[in-house]
Amino acid sequence: MQKQLLIYLFVLLPFSFSCKKAIEEKKKDIVVEAMTDGRWFVKEYKAAGIYVTSEFDGYEFQFYENGKVEAILSTNITNGAWTGDINALTITASFGGAPQPVSRLNGVWKLIDNSWTYVKAYYVIGADTNFLDLQKK
């Protein structure tokens, strides 16, 4: 009887890991789909208690499945990279060498709230906390 139990465990154990992995992949797919379906704009940005939202006037952001992101201002495009971590509830953005305001988005953002049409997050830099509200167009 114990031998049969061990055999069942060895047979079923890999399926439980593959099931968990499939669930994690599906979660990741949902995040990617939500972010890449449409363009985004900065509805609100507060840096260390000061609203700097107007710095982002005219900017749109396009996220891609391959981890690239574009900051678009009229015909000017600044390229960057992004990743989402569903388990840590974070989004990491990196616009290497970009000037402000785009460089303000660099870092690991902790999600506060989100839906298919908005993302609210914060990022701690030293003693300061930045807050971001991205909205889908």
C-alpha atoms as a PDB file:
ATOM      1  CA  MET A   1       0.000   0.000   0.000  1.00  0.00           C
ATOM      2  CA  GLN A   2       2.796   2.429   0.861  1.00  0.00           C
ATOM      3  CA  LYS A   3       4.529   1.541  -2.370  1.00  0.00           C
ATOM      4  CA  GLN A   4       1.388   2.440  -4.346  1.00  0.00           C
ATOM      5  CA  LEU A   5       1.110   5.754  -2.474  1.00  0.00           C
ATOM      6  CA  LEU A   6       4.688   6.619  -3.346  1.00  0.00           C
ATOM      7  CA  ILE A   7       4.098   5.741  -6.986  1.00  0.00           C
ATOM      8  CA  TYR A   8       1.018   7.996  -7.076  1.00  0.00           C
ATOM      9  CA  LEU A   9       2.989  10.829  -5.481  1.00  0.00           C
ATOM     10  CA  PHE A  10       5.779  10.538  -8.034  1.00  0.00           C
ATOM     11  CA  VAL A  11       3.274  10.398 -10.879  1.00  0.00           C
ATOM     12  CA  LEU A  12       1.040  13.249  -9.659  1.00  0.00           C
ATOM     13  CA  LEU A  13       3.715  15.570  -8.235  1.00  0.00           C
ATOM     14  CA  PRO A  14       4.974  16.796 -11.624  1.00  0.00           C
ATOM     15  CA  PHE A  15       1.397  17.581 -12.666  1.00  0.00           C
ATOM     16  CA  SER A  16       0.872  19.768  -9.608  1.00  0.00           C
ATOM     17  CA  PHE A  17       3.986  21.789 -10.470  1.00  0.00           C
ATOM     18  CA  SER A  18       3.007  22.087 -14.116  1.00  0.00           C
ATOM     19  CA  CYS A  19      -0.482  23.187 -13.042  1.00  0.00           C
ATOM     20  CA  LYS A  20       0.992  25.871 -10.800  1.00  0.00           C
ATOM     21  CA  LYS A  21       3.307  26.971 -13.599  1.00  0.00           C
ATOM     22  CA  ALA A  22       0.372  27.136 -16.025  1.00  0.00           C
ATOM     23  CA  ILE A  23      -1.569  29.323 -13.591  1.00  0.00           C
ATOM     24  CA  GLU A  24       1.425  31.645 -13.160  1.00  0.00           C
ATOM     25  CA  GLU A  25       1.828  31.881 -16.938  1.00  0.00           C
ATOM     26  CA  LYS A  26      -1.873  32.729 -17.348  1.00  0.00           C
ATOM     27  CA  LYS A  27      -1.587  35.491 -14.735  1.00  0.00           C
ATOM     28  CA  LYS A  28       1.427  36.878 -16.567  1.00  0.00           C
ATOM     29  CA  ASP A  29      -0.437  36.708 -19.891  1.00  0.00           C
ATOM     30  CA  ILE A  30      -3.326  38.717 -18.417  1.00  0.00           C
ATOM     31  CA  VAL A  31      -0.971  41.451 -17.176  1.00  0.00           C
ATOM     32  CA  VAL A  32       0.775  41.615 -20.554  1.00  0.00           C
ATOM     33  CA  GLU A  33      -2.546  41.735 -22.408  1.00  0.00           C
ATOM     34  CA  ALA A  34      -3.864  44.531 -20.195  1.00  0.00           C
ATOM     35  CA  MET A  35      -0.714  46.635 -20.584  1.00  0.00           C
ATOM     36  CA  THR A  36      -0.201  46.119 -24.325  1.00  0.00           C
ATOM     37  CA  ASP A  37      -3.808  46.664 -25.406  1.00  0.00           C
ATOM     38  CA  GLY A  38      -3.842  50.390 -26.133  1.00  0.00           C
ATOM     39  CA  ARG A  39      -1.879  53.487 -25.239  1.00  0.00           C
ATOM     40  CA  TRP A  40      -1.540  54.980 -21.779  1.00  0.00           C
ATOM     41  CA  PHE A  41      -1.063  58.495 -20.404  1.00  0.00           C
ATOM     42  CA  VAL A  42      -0.058  59.932 -17.044  1.00  0.00           C
ATOM     43  CA  LYS A  43      -3.204  61.140 -15.321  1.00  0.00           C
ATOM     44  CA  GLU A  44      -1.339  62.067 -12.159  1.00  0.00           C
ATOM     45  CA  TYR A  45       2.271  62.046 -10.953  1.00  0.00           C
ATOM     46  CA  LYS A  46       3.334  63.239  -7.526  1.00  0.00           C
ATOM     47  CA  ALA A  47       7.095  63.384  -6.831  1.00  0.00           C
ATOM     48  CA  ALA A  48       8.015  63.779  -3.161  1.00  0.00           C
ATOM     49  CA  GLY A  49       4.688  65.488  -2.435  1.00  0.00           C
ATOM     50  CA  ILE A  50       4.808  67.836  -5.451  1.00  0.00           C
ATOM     51  CA  TYR A  51       2.460  67.348  -8.396  1.00  0.00           C
ATOM     52  CA  VAL A  52       4.468  67.241 -11.641  1.00  0.00           C
ATOM     53  CA  THR A  53       1.704  65.806 -13.818  1.00  0.00           C
ATOM     54  CA  SER A  54       1.908  68.684 -16.294  1.00  0.00           C
ATOM     55  CA  GLU A  55       5.452  67.603 -17.240  1.00  0.00           C
ATOM     56  CA  PHE A  56       3.849  64.606 -18.959  1.00  0.00           C
ATOM     57  CA  ASP A  57       1.361  66.653 -21.018  1.00  0.00           C
ATOM     58  CA  GLY A  58       1.164  65.202 -24.525  1.00  0.00           C
ATOM     59  CA  TYR A  59       3.013  61.990 -23.692  1.00  0.00           C
ATOM     60  CA  GLU A  60       1.553  58.597 -24.538  1.00  0.00           C
ATOM     61  CA  PHE A  61       3.051  55.244 -23.629  1.00  0.00           C
ATOM     62  CA  GLN A  62       2.844  52.090 -25.699  1.00  0.00           C
ATOM     63  CA  PHE A  63       3.800  48.809 -24.020  1.00  0.00           C
ATOM     64  CA  TYR A  64       4.748  45.750 -26.084  1.00  0.00           C
ATOM     65  CA  GLU A  65       4.672  42.022 -25.324  1.00  0.00           C
ATOM     66  CA  ASN A  66       8.424  41.729 -25.917  1.00  0.00           C
ATOM     67  CA  GLY A  67       9.152  43.970 -22.903  1.00  0.00           C
ATOM     68  CA  LYS A  68       9.692  47.189 -24.831  1.00  0.00           C
ATOM     69  CA  VAL A  69       7.874  50.422 -24.081  1.00  0.00           C
ATOM     70  CA  GLU A  70       7.779  53.686 -26.019  1.00  0.00           C
ATOM     71  CA  ALA A  71       7.268  57.139 -24.570  1.00  0.00           C
ATOM     72  CA  ILE A  72       5.705  59.079 -27.436  1.00  0.00           C
ATOM     73  CA  LEU A  73       5.541  62.869 -27.603  1.00  0.00           C
ATOM     74  CA  SER A  74       4.264  64.020 -30.981  1.00  0.00           C
ATOM     75  CA  THR A  75       6.794  62.478 -33.394  1.00  0.00           C
ATOM     76  CA  ASN A  76       9.534  61.944 -30.769  1.00  0.00           C
ATOM     77  CA  ILE A  77       9.881  58.425 -29.362  1.00  0.00           C
ATOM     78  CA  THR A  78      11.937  57.453 -26.320  1.00  0.00           C
ATOM     79  CA  ASN A  79      12.530  53.711 -26.062  1.00  0.00           C
ATOM     80  CA  GLY A  80      12.573  51.792 -22.822  1.00  0.00           C
ATOM     81  CA  ALA A  81      11.884  48.426 -21.263  1.00  0.00           C
ATOM     82  CA  TRP A  82       9.275  47.115 -18.840  1.00  0.00           C
ATOM     83  CA  THR A  83       8.482  43.980 -16.879  1.00  0.00           C
ATOM     84  CA  GLY A  84       5.542  43.035 -14.709  1.00  0.00           C
ATOM     85  CA  ASP A  85       5.783  40.772 -11.676  1.00  0.00           C
ATOM     86  CA  ILE A  86       2.322  39.473 -10.776  1.00  0.00           C
ATOM     87  CA  ASN A  87       3.542  37.808  -7.578  1.00  0.00           C
ATOM     88  CA  ALA A  88       5.305  40.901  -6.212  1.00  0.00           C
ATOM     89  CA  LEU A  89       2.606  43.205  -7.665  1.00  0.00           C
ATOM     90  CA  THR A  90       5.230  45.409  -9.305  1.00  0.00           C
ATOM     91  CA  ILE A  91       5.997  46.930 -12.674  1.00  0.00           C
ATOM     92  CA  THR A  92       9.581  47.840 -13.481  1.00  0.00           C
ATOM     93  CA  ALA A  93      10.333  50.529 -16.054  1.00  0.00           C
ATOM     94  CA  SER A  94      13.701  51.520 -17.482  1.00  0.00           C
ATOM     95  CA  PHE A  95      14.255  54.360 -19.931  1.00  0.00           C
ATOM     96  CA  GLY A  96      18.063  54.376 -19.984  1.00  0.00           C
ATOM     97  CA  GLY A  97      19.510  57.844 -20.562  1.00  0.00           C
ATOM     98  CA  ALA A  98      16.094  59.462 -21.039  1.00  0.00           C
ATOM     99  CA  PRO A  99      15.672  63.067 -19.871  1.00  0.00           C
ATOM    100  CA  GLN A 100      12.927  64.181 -17.507  1.00  0.00           C
ATOM    101  CA  PRO A 101      10.043  63.698 -17.351  1.00  0.00           C
ATOM    102  CA  VAL A 102      10.416  60.207 -18.881  1.00  0.00           C
ATOM    103  CA  SER A 103      13.300  59.308 -16.540  1.00  0.00           C
ATOM    104  CA  ARG A 104      10.911  59.843 -13.606  1.00  0.00           C
ATOM    105  CA  LEU A 105       9.302  56.529 -14.589  1.00  0.00           C
ATOM    106  CA  ASN A 106      12.506  54.504 -14.071  1.00  0.00           C
ATOM    107  CA  GLY A 107      12.303  52.086 -11.161  1.00  0.00           C
ATOM    108  CA  VAL A 108      10.264  49.349  -9.542  1.00  0.00           C
ATOM    109  CA  TRP A 109       6.688  50.524  -9.014  1.00  0.00           C
ATOM    110  CA  LYS A 110       4.545  48.804  -6.383  1.00  0.00           C
ATOM    111  CA  LEU A 111       0.921  48.509  -7.493  1.00  0.00           C
ATOM    112  CA  ILE A 112      -1.701  50.060  -5.221  1.00  0.00           C
ATOM    113  CA  ASP A 113      -4.722  49.533  -7.457  1.00  0.00           C
ATOM    114  CA  ASN A 114      -5.351  48.550 -11.059  1.00  0.00           C
ATOM    115  CA  SER A 115      -7.924  47.513 -13.622  1.00  0.00           C
ATOM    116  CA  TRP A 116      -7.984  47.088 -17.402  1.00  0.00           C
ATOM    117  CA  THR A 117      -7.988  50.885 -17.788  1.00  0.00           C
ATOM    118  CA  TYR A 118      -5.760  52.255 -15.020  1.00  0.00           C
ATOM    119  CA  VAL A 119      -2.728  51.501 -12.879  1.00  0.00           C
ATOM    120  CA  LYS A 120      -1.982  53.265  -9.599  1.00  0.00           C
ATOM    121  CA  ALA A 121       1.448  52.677  -8.111  1.00  0.00           C
ATOM    122  CA  TYR A 122       4.163  54.132  -5.898  1.00  0.00           C
ATOM    123  CA  TYR A 123       7.948  54.115  -5.930  1.00  0.00           C
ATOM    124  CA  VAL A 124      10.153  54.884  -2.924  1.00  0.00           C
ATOM    125  CA  ILE A 125      13.401  56.741  -3.620  1.00  0.00           C
ATOM    126  CA  GLY A 126      15.352  57.269  -0.408  1.00  0.00           C
ATOM    127  CA  ALA A 127      13.073  59.223   1.914  1.00  0.00           C
ATOM    128  CA  ASP A 128      10.742  60.285  -0.908  1.00  0.00           C
ATOM    129  CA  THR A 129       7.733  58.470  -2.326  1.00  0.00           C
ATOM    130  CA  ASN A 130       6.463  59.038  -5.853  1.00  0.00           C
ATOM    131  CA  PHE A 131       2.878  58.255  -6.844  1.00  0.00           C
ATOM    132  CA  LEU A 132       1.753  57.456 -10.385  1.00  0.00           C
ATOM    133  CA  ASP A 133      -1.688  57.111 -11.925  1.00  0.00           C
ATOM    134  CA  LEU A 134      -1.580  55.747 -15.491  1.00  0.00           C
ATOM    135  CA  GLN A 135      -4.798  55.703 -17.493  1.00  0.00           C
ATOM    136  CA  LYS A 136      -5.559  53.937 -20.752  1.00  0.00           C
ATOM    137  CA  LYS A 137      -6.673  56.165 -23.629  1.00  0.00           C
END
